[in-house]
Amino acid sequence: MAIDEPAVVWSLDGFSKGDEFLRTERTISREQIIQLREVITPDTDDPWMHYCYEVRLDIWPAVEAILHCGPPDVTRDYQTSASA
């Protein structure tokens, strides 16, 4: 991994399963995204997790331990995302 990561803001996004509109967004720090790489394996050409990655409920305990985001809302689908 490069020493200087790009200027990116990461987030954990929750989408309504009924209408797919963004319902929640929680910022993820650089340190947290590095830890999340141990739980959510990014594509080999995406070391800084610029693509969106599904956050499955079966890995939620590990995600919660890193993000301290509380329990998931089972009416939502979650994914990580990044923006510049």
PDB file of N, CA and C in Angstrom:
ATOM      1  N   MET A   1       0.846  -1.175   0.000  1.00  0.00           N
ATOM      2  CA  MET A   1       0.000   0.000   0.000  1.00  0.00           C
ATOM      3  C   MET A   1       0.891   1.239   0.000  1.00  0.00           C
ATOM      4  N   ALA A   2       0.530   2.223  -0.766  1.00  0.00           N
ATOM      5  CA  ALA A   2       1.307   3.457  -0.850  1.00  0.00           C
ATOM      6  C   ALA A   2       1.227   4.227   0.463  1.00  0.00           C
ATOM      7  N   ILE A   3       2.267   4.980   0.741  1.00  0.00           N
ATOM      8  CA  ILE A   3       2.297   5.778   1.966  1.00  0.00           C
ATOM      9  C   ILE A   3       1.243   6.870   1.913  1.00  0.00           C
ATOM     10  N   ASP A   4       1.090   7.501   0.763  1.00  0.00           N
ATOM     11  CA  ASP A   4       0.115   8.584   0.628  1.00  0.00           C
ATOM     12  C   ASP A   4      -1.130   8.074  -0.083  1.00  0.00           C
ATOM     13  N   GLU A   5      -2.199   7.944   0.664  1.00  0.00           N
ATOM     14  CA  GLU A   5      -3.450   7.539   0.046  1.00  0.00           C
ATOM     15  C   GLU A   5      -4.082   8.744  -0.638  1.00  0.00           C
ATOM     16  N   PRO A   6      -4.940   8.523  -1.587  1.00  0.00           N
ATOM     17  CA  PRO A   6      -5.600   9.645  -2.257  1.00  0.00           C
ATOM     18  C   PRO A   6      -6.530  10.385  -1.297  1.00  0.00           C
ATOM     19  N   ALA A   7      -6.886  11.606  -1.660  1.00  0.00           N
ATOM     20  CA  ALA A   7      -7.803  12.404  -0.842  1.00  0.00           C
ATOM     21  C   ALA A   7      -9.213  11.850  -1.018  1.00  0.00           C
ATOM     22  N   VAL A   8      -9.593  10.979  -0.118  1.00  0.00           N
ATOM     23  CA  VAL A   8     -10.860  10.261  -0.235  1.00  0.00           C
ATOM     24  C   VAL A   8     -11.616  10.346   1.078  1.00  0.00           C
ATOM     25  N   VAL A   9     -12.937  10.378   0.967  1.00  0.00           N
ATOM     26  CA  VAL A   9     -13.805  10.255   2.131  1.00  0.00           C
ATOM     27  C   VAL A   9     -14.583   8.962   1.959  1.00  0.00           C
ATOM     28  N   TRP A  10     -14.432   8.060   2.928  1.00  0.00           N
ATOM     29  CA  TRP A  10     -15.135   6.785   2.883  1.00  0.00           C
ATOM     30  C   TRP A  10     -16.362   6.847   3.770  1.00  0.00           C
ATOM     31  N   SER A  11     -17.343   5.996   3.461  1.00  0.00           N
ATOM     32  CA  SER A  11     -18.537   5.945   4.305  1.00  0.00           C
ATOM     33  C   SER A  11     -19.154   4.552   4.287  1.00  0.00           C
ATOM     34  N   LEU A  12     -19.912   4.288   5.334  1.00  0.00           N
ATOM     35  CA  LEU A  12     -20.753   3.107   5.412  1.00  0.00           C
ATOM     36  C   LEU A  12     -22.157   3.602   5.097  1.00  0.00           C
ATOM     37  N   ASP A  13     -22.734   3.106   4.031  1.00  0.00           N
ATOM     38  CA  ASP A  13     -24.037   3.584   3.565  1.00  0.00           C
ATOM     39  C   ASP A  13     -25.091   2.513   3.753  1.00  0.00           C
ATOM     40  N   GLY A  14     -26.261   2.937   4.220  1.00  0.00           N
ATOM     41  CA  GLY A  14     -27.391   2.030   4.374  1.00  0.00           C
ATOM     42  C   GLY A  14     -28.497   2.420   3.413  1.00  0.00           C
ATOM     43  N   PHE A  15     -28.960   1.466   2.640  1.00  0.00           N
ATOM     44  CA  PHE A  15     -29.994   1.711   1.637  1.00  0.00           C
ATOM     45  C   PHE A  15     -31.252   0.941   2.000  1.00  0.00           C
ATOM     46  N   SER A  16     -32.392   1.586   1.832  1.00  0.00           N
ATOM     47  CA  SER A  16     -33.663   0.921   2.071  1.00  0.00           C
ATOM     48  C   SER A  16     -33.812  -0.240   1.106  1.00  0.00           C
ATOM     49  N   LYS A  17     -34.213  -1.401   1.619  1.00  0.00           N
ATOM     50  CA  LYS A  17     -34.428  -2.557   0.750  1.00  0.00           C
ATOM     51  C   LYS A  17     -35.666  -2.355  -0.124  1.00  0.00           C
ATOM     52  N   GLY A  18     -36.581  -1.493   0.312  1.00  0.00           N
ATOM     53  CA  GLY A  18     -37.817  -1.264  -0.421  1.00  0.00           C
ATOM     54  C   GLY A  18     -37.671  -0.331  -1.603  1.00  0.00           C
ATOM     55  N   ASP A  19     -36.901   0.759  -1.449  1.00  0.00           N
ATOM     56  CA  ASP A  19     -36.826   1.737  -2.539  1.00  0.00           C
ATOM     57  C   ASP A  19     -35.396   2.078  -2.953  1.00  0.00           C
ATOM     58  N   GLU A  20     -34.409   1.487  -2.311  1.00  0.00           N
ATOM     59  CA  GLU A  20     -32.999   1.619  -2.661  1.00  0.00           C
ATOM     60  C   GLU A  20     -32.423   3.030  -2.531  1.00  0.00           C
ATOM     61  N   PHE A  21     -33.136   3.952  -1.901  1.00  0.00           N
ATOM     62  CA  PHE A  21     -32.591   5.276  -1.672  1.00  0.00           C
ATOM     63  C   PHE A  21     -31.690   5.256  -0.451  1.00  0.00           C
ATOM     64  N   LEU A  22     -30.634   6.085  -0.483  1.00  0.00           N
ATOM     65  CA  LEU A  22     -29.725   6.190   0.641  1.00  0.00           C
ATOM     66  C   LEU A  22     -30.504   6.653   1.863  1.00  0.00           C
ATOM     67  N   ARG A  23     -30.333   5.931   2.951  1.00  0.00           N
ATOM     68  CA  ARG A  23     -31.036   6.267   4.186  1.00  0.00           C
ATOM     69  C   ARG A  23     -30.097   6.664   5.308  1.00  0.00           C
ATOM     70  N   THR A  24     -28.903   6.063   5.343  1.00  0.00           N
ATOM     71  CA  THR A  24     -27.922   6.412   6.365  1.00  0.00           C
ATOM     72  C   THR A  24     -26.550   6.492   5.739  1.00  0.00           C
ATOM     73  N   GLU A  25     -25.711   7.307   6.334  1.00  0.00           N
ATOM     74  CA  GLU A  25     -24.334   7.448   5.877  1.00  0.00           C
ATOM     75  C   GLU A  25     -23.474   7.749   7.093  1.00  0.00           C
ATOM     76  N   ARG A  26     -22.444   6.938   7.300  1.00  0.00           N
ATOM     77  CA  ARG A  26     -21.540   7.119   8.427  1.00  0.00           C
ATOM     78  C   ARG A  26     -20.117   7.201   7.887  1.00  0.00           C
ATOM     79  N   THR A  27     -19.408   8.266   8.225  1.00  0.00           N
ATOM     80  CA  THR A  27     -18.042   8.469   7.753  1.00  0.00           C
ATOM     81  C   THR A  27     -17.111   7.418   8.343  1.00  0.00           C
ATOM     82  N   ILE A  28     -16.179   6.950   7.511  1.00  0.00           N
ATOM     83  CA  ILE A  28     -15.168   5.981   7.915  1.00  0.00           C
ATOM     84  C   ILE A  28     -13.809   6.666   7.801  1.00  0.00           C
ATOM     85  N   SER A  29     -13.018   6.611   8.869  1.00  0.00           N
ATOM     86  CA  SER A  29     -11.694   7.241   8.853  1.00  0.00           C
ATOM     87  C   SER A  29     -10.687   6.383   8.092  1.00  0.00           C
ATOM     88  N   ARG A  30      -9.547   6.967   7.786  1.00  0.00           N
ATOM     89  CA  ARG A  30      -8.469   6.247   7.112  1.00  0.00           C
ATOM     90  C   ARG A  30      -8.048   5.033   7.938  1.00  0.00           C
ATOM     91  N   GLU A  31      -7.883   5.206   9.241  1.00  0.00           N
ATOM     92  CA  GLU A  31      -7.481   4.109  10.117  1.00  0.00           C
ATOM     93  C   GLU A  31      -8.529   2.998  10.113  1.00  0.00           C
ATOM     94  N   GLN A  32      -9.796   3.376  10.103  1.00  0.00           N
ATOM     95  CA  GLN A  32     -10.869   2.383  10.088  1.00  0.00           C
ATOM     96  C   GLN A  32     -10.921   1.639   8.756  1.00  0.00           C
ATOM     97  N   ILE A  33     -10.682   2.331   7.643  1.00  0.00           N
ATOM     98  CA  ILE A  33     -10.718   1.650   6.346  1.00  0.00           C
ATOM     99  C   ILE A  33      -9.578   0.635   6.262  1.00  0.00           C
ATOM    100  N   ILE A  34      -8.437   0.957   6.844  1.00  0.00           N
ATOM    101  CA  ILE A  34      -7.324   0.000   6.877  1.00  0.00           C
ATOM    102  C   ILE A  34      -7.732  -1.242   7.665  1.00  0.00           C
ATOM    103  N   GLN A  35      -8.422  -1.063   8.784  1.00  0.00           N
ATOM    104  CA  GLN A  35      -8.894  -2.196   9.581  1.00  0.00           C
ATOM    105  C   GLN A  35      -9.985  -2.976   8.845  1.00  0.00           C
ATOM    106  N   LEU A  36     -10.859  -2.273   8.164  1.00  0.00           N
ATOM    107  CA  LEU A  36     -11.939  -2.946   7.430  1.00  0.00           C
ATOM    108  C   LEU A  36     -11.405  -3.834   6.312  1.00  0.00           C
ATOM    109  N   ARG A  37     -10.222  -3.513   5.791  1.00  0.00           N
ATOM    110  CA  ARG A  37      -9.618  -4.340   4.737  1.00  0.00           C
ATOM    111  C   ARG A  37      -9.374  -5.767   5.224  1.00  0.00           C
ATOM    112  N   GLU A  38      -9.281  -5.958   6.531  1.00  0.00           N
ATOM    113  CA  GLU A  38      -9.108  -7.295   7.098  1.00  0.00           C
ATOM    114  C   GLU A  38     -10.428  -8.065   7.136  1.00  0.00           C
ATOM    115  N   VAL A  39     -11.540  -7.348   7.060  1.00  0.00           N
ATOM    116  CA  VAL A  39     -12.880  -7.943   7.147  1.00  0.00           C
ATOM    117  C   VAL A  39     -13.533  -8.024   5.769  1.00  0.00           C
ATOM    118  N   ILE A  40     -13.361  -6.969   4.995  1.00  0.00           N
ATOM    119  CA  ILE A  40     -13.911  -6.875   3.638  1.00  0.00           C
ATOM    120  C   ILE A  40     -12.720  -6.815   2.694  1.00  0.00           C
ATOM    121  N   THR A  41     -12.473  -7.869   1.975  1.00  0.00           N
ATOM    122  CA  THR A  41     -11.302  -7.928   1.106  1.00  0.00           C
ATOM    123  C   THR A  41     -11.552  -7.123  -0.168  1.00  0.00           C
ATOM    124  N   PRO A  42     -10.784  -6.046  -0.363  1.00  0.00           N
ATOM    125  CA  PRO A  42     -10.960  -5.271  -1.589  1.00  0.00           C
ATOM    126  C   PRO A  42     -10.368  -5.999  -2.792  1.00  0.00           C
ATOM    127  N   ASP A  43     -10.797  -5.594  -3.968  1.00  0.00           N
ATOM    128  CA  ASP A  43     -10.213  -6.128  -5.196  1.00  0.00           C
ATOM    129  C   ASP A  43      -8.723  -5.784  -5.218  1.00  0.00           C
ATOM    130  N   THR A  44      -7.930  -6.611  -5.862  1.00  0.00           N
ATOM    131  CA  THR A  44      -6.482  -6.401  -5.890  1.00  0.00           C
ATOM    132  C   THR A  44      -6.083  -5.072  -6.543  1.00  0.00           C
ATOM    133  N   ASP A  45      -6.904  -4.578  -7.470  1.00  0.00           N
ATOM    134  CA  ASP A  45      -6.593  -3.297  -8.118  1.00  0.00           C
ATOM    135  C   ASP A  45      -7.234  -2.106  -7.397  1.00  0.00           C
ATOM    136  N   ASP A  46      -7.736  -2.337  -6.181  1.00  0.00           N
ATOM    137  CA  ASP A  46      -8.435  -1.290  -5.430  1.00  0.00           C
ATOM    138  C   ASP A  46      -7.978  -1.275  -3.965  1.00  0.00           C
ATOM    139  N   PRO A  47      -6.681  -1.051  -3.711  1.00  0.00           N
ATOM    140  CA  PRO A  47      -6.182  -1.152  -2.339  1.00  0.00           C
ATOM    141  C   PRO A  47      -6.802  -0.152  -1.362  1.00  0.00           C
ATOM    142  N   TRP A  48      -7.278   0.982  -1.862  1.00  0.00           N
ATOM    143  CA  TRP A  48      -7.870   1.988  -0.976  1.00  0.00           C
ATOM    144  C   TRP A  48      -9.401   1.935  -0.962  1.00  0.00           C
ATOM    145  N   MET A  49      -9.955   0.854  -1.458  1.00  0.00           N
ATOM    146  CA  MET A  49     -11.402   0.617  -1.405  1.00  0.00           C
ATOM    147  C   MET A  49     -12.201   1.785  -1.991  1.00  0.00           C
ATOM    148  N   HIS A  50     -11.851   2.187  -3.222  1.00  0.00           N
ATOM    149  CA  HIS A  50     -12.607   3.222  -3.920  1.00  0.00           C
ATOM    150  C   HIS A  50     -13.934   2.688  -4.447  1.00  0.00           C
ATOM    151  N   TYR A  51     -13.962   1.394  -4.770  1.00  0.00           N
ATOM    152  CA  TYR A  51     -15.201   0.787  -5.258  1.00  0.00           C
ATOM    153  C   TYR A  51     -16.143   0.576  -4.077  1.00  0.00           C
ATOM    154  N   CYS A  52     -17.373   0.288  -4.378  1.00  0.00           N
ATOM    155  CA  CYS A  52     -18.350  -0.037  -3.336  1.00  0.00           C
ATOM    156  C   CYS A  52     -18.235  -1.518  -2.991  1.00  0.00           C
ATOM    157  N   TYR A  53     -18.313  -1.819  -1.704  1.00  0.00           N
ATOM    158  CA  TYR A  53     -18.243  -3.197  -1.238  1.00  0.00           C
ATOM    159  C   TYR A  53     -19.411  -3.486  -0.311  1.00  0.00           C
ATOM    160  N   GLU A  54     -20.067  -4.603  -0.566  1.00  0.00           N
ATOM    161  CA  GLU A  54     -21.195  -5.024   0.261  1.00  0.00           C
ATOM    162  C   GLU A  54     -20.709  -5.322   1.680  1.00  0.00           C
ATOM    163  N   VAL A  55     -21.512  -4.896   2.655  1.00  0.00           N
ATOM    164  CA  VAL A  55     -21.253  -5.231   4.050  1.00  0.00           C
ATOM    165  C   VAL A  55     -22.377  -6.167   4.478  1.00  0.00           C
ATOM    166  N   ARG A  56     -22.057  -7.456   4.491  1.00  0.00           N
ATOM    167  CA  ARG A  56     -23.053  -8.478   4.818  1.00  0.00           C
ATOM    168  C   ARG A  56     -23.321  -8.493   6.324  1.00  0.00           C
ATOM    169  N   LEU A  57     -24.515  -8.887   6.682  1.00  0.00           N
ATOM    170  CA  LEU A  57     -24.881  -8.930   8.094  1.00  0.00           C
ATOM    171  C   LEU A  57     -24.072  -9.978   8.857  1.00  0.00           C
ATOM    172  N   ASP A  58     -23.601 -11.027   8.187  1.00  0.00           N
ATOM    173  CA  ASP A  58     -22.827 -12.053   8.891  1.00  0.00           C
ATOM    174  C   ASP A  58     -21.446 -11.551   9.338  1.00  0.00           C
ATOM    175  N   ILE A  59     -20.953 -10.460   8.748  1.00  0.00           N
ATOM    176  CA  ILE A  59     -19.679  -9.893   9.192  1.00  0.00           C
ATOM    177  C   ILE A  59     -19.888  -8.645  10.053  1.00  0.00           C
ATOM    178  N   TRP A  60     -21.138  -8.312  10.326  1.00  0.00           N
ATOM    179  CA  TRP A  60     -21.445  -7.094  11.069  1.00  0.00           C
ATOM    180  C   TRP A  60     -20.739  -7.008  12.420  1.00  0.00           C
ATOM    181  N   PRO A  61     -20.634  -8.094  13.198  1.00  0.00           N
ATOM    182  CA  PRO A  61     -19.933  -7.967  14.484  1.00  0.00           C
ATOM    183  C   PRO A  61     -18.511  -7.422  14.324  1.00  0.00           C
ATOM    184  N   ALA A  62     -17.792  -7.855  13.317  1.00  0.00           N
ATOM    185  CA  ALA A  62     -16.437  -7.349  13.078  1.00  0.00           C
ATOM    186  C   ALA A  62     -16.473  -5.892  12.621  1.00  0.00           C
ATOM    187  N   VAL A  63     -17.432  -5.549  11.776  1.00  0.00           N
ATOM    188  CA  VAL A  63     -17.586  -4.165  11.309  1.00  0.00           C
ATOM    189  C   VAL A  63     -17.930  -3.262  12.483  1.00  0.00           C
ATOM    190  N   GLU A  64     -18.826  -3.708  13.342  1.00  0.00           N
ATOM    191  CA  GLU A  64     -19.235  -2.911  14.507  1.00  0.00           C
ATOM    192  C   GLU A  64     -18.054  -2.710  15.460  1.00  0.00           C
ATOM    193  N   ALA A  65     -17.216  -3.716  15.610  1.00  0.00           N
ATOM    194  CA  ALA A  65     -16.048  -3.592  16.486  1.00  0.00           C
ATOM    195  C   ALA A  65     -15.082  -2.525  15.974  1.00  0.00           C
ATOM    196  N   ILE A  66     -15.026  -2.333  14.671  1.00  0.00           N
ATOM    197  CA  ILE A  66     -14.140  -1.333  14.069  1.00  0.00           C
ATOM    198  C   ILE A  66     -14.797   0.053  14.055  1.00  0.00           C
ATOM    199  N   LEU A  67     -16.060   0.112  13.640  1.00  0.00           N
ATOM    200  CA  LEU A  67     -16.735   1.401  13.440  1.00  0.00           C
ATOM    201  C   LEU A  67     -17.537   1.882  14.639  1.00  0.00           C
ATOM    202  N   HIS A  68     -17.850   0.987  15.564  1.00  0.00           N
ATOM    203  CA  HIS A  68     -18.692   1.333  16.719  1.00  0.00           C
ATOM    204  C   HIS A  68     -19.992   1.985  16.251  1.00  0.00           C
ATOM    205  N   CYS A  69     -20.636   1.312  15.318  1.00  0.00           N
ATOM    206  CA  CYS A  69     -21.818   1.859  14.659  1.00  0.00           C
ATOM    207  C   CYS A  69     -23.129   1.266  15.183  1.00  0.00           C
ATOM    208  N   GLY A  70     -23.050   0.377  16.140  1.00  0.00           N
ATOM    209  CA  GLY A  70     -24.261  -0.225  16.690  1.00  0.00           C
ATOM    210  C   GLY A  70     -24.806  -1.318  15.789  1.00  0.00           C
ATOM    211  N   PRO A  71     -25.956  -1.836  16.151  1.00  0.00           N
ATOM    212  CA  PRO A  71     -26.540  -2.932  15.374  1.00  0.00           C
ATOM    213  C   PRO A  71     -27.068  -2.449  14.027  1.00  0.00           C
ATOM    214  N   PRO A  72     -27.097  -3.347  13.045  1.00  0.00           N
ATOM    215  CA  PRO A  72     -27.624  -2.957  11.740  1.00  0.00           C
ATOM    216  C   PRO A  72     -29.145  -2.903  11.765  1.00  0.00           C
ATOM    217  N   ASP A  73     -29.684  -2.150  10.858  1.00  0.00           N
ATOM    218  CA  ASP A  73     -31.128  -2.115  10.619  1.00  0.00           C
ATOM    219  C   ASP A  73     -31.397  -3.168   9.549  1.00  0.00           C
ATOM    220  N   VAL A  74     -32.112  -4.228   9.889  1.00  0.00           N
ATOM    221  CA  VAL A  74     -32.315  -5.330   8.948  1.00  0.00           C
ATOM    222  C   VAL A  74     -33.184  -4.948   7.754  1.00  0.00           C
ATOM    223  N   THR A  75     -33.772  -3.752   7.769  1.00  0.00           N
ATOM    224  CA  THR A  75     -34.551  -3.289   6.617  1.00  0.00           C
ATOM    225  C   THR A  75     -33.671  -2.570   5.603  1.00  0.00           C
ATOM    226  N   ARG A  76     -32.354  -2.575   5.852  1.00  0.00           N
ATOM    227  CA  ARG A  76     -31.415  -1.890   4.956  1.00  0.00           C
ATOM    228  C   ARG A  76     -30.341  -2.835   4.441  1.00  0.00           C
ATOM    229  N   ASP A  77     -29.813  -2.494   3.288  1.00  0.00           N
ATOM    230  CA  ASP A  77     -28.624  -3.138   2.731  1.00  0.00           C
ATOM    231  C   ASP A  77     -27.477  -2.158   2.940  1.00  0.00           C
ATOM    232  N   TYR A  78     -26.306  -2.671   3.278  1.00  0.00           N
ATOM    233  CA  TYR A  78     -25.164  -1.813   3.590  1.00  0.00           C
ATOM    234  C   TYR A  78     -24.020  -2.044   2.622  1.00  0.00           C
ATOM    235  N   GLN A  79     -23.276  -0.965   2.371  1.00  0.00           N
ATOM    236  CA  GLN A  79     -22.062  -1.058   1.570  1.00  0.00           C
ATOM    237  C   GLN A  79     -21.126   0.062   1.940  1.00  0.00           C
ATOM    238  N   THR A  80     -19.849  -0.144   1.642  1.00  0.00           N
ATOM    239  CA  THR A  80     -18.885   0.950   1.795  1.00  0.00           C
ATOM    240  C   THR A  80     -18.864   1.711   0.485  1.00  0.00           C
ATOM    241  N   SER A  81     -18.507   2.977   0.564  1.00  0.00           N
ATOM    242  CA  SER A  81     -18.331   3.768  -0.645  1.00  0.00           C
ATOM    243  C   SER A  81     -17.247   4.807  -0.394  1.00  0.00           C
ATOM    244  N   ALA A  82     -16.778   5.394  -1.470  1.00  0.00           N
ATOM    245  CA  ALA A  82     -15.727   6.420  -1.377  1.00  0.00           C
ATOM    246  C   ALA A  82     -16.042   7.540  -2.341  1.00  0.00           C
ATOM    247  N   SER A  83     -15.665   8.749  -1.939  1.00  0.00           N
ATOM    248  CA  SER A  83     -15.819   9.897  -2.826  1.00  0.00           C
ATOM    249  C   SER A  83     -14.634  10.819  -2.623  1.00  0.00           C
ATOM    250  N   ALA A  84     -14.336  11.589  -3.651  1.00  0.00           N
ATOM    251  CA  ALA A  84     -13.196  12.507  -3.581  1.00  0.00           C
ATOM    252  C   ALA A  84     -13.668  13.898  -3.242  1.00  0.00           C
TER     253      ALA A  84
END
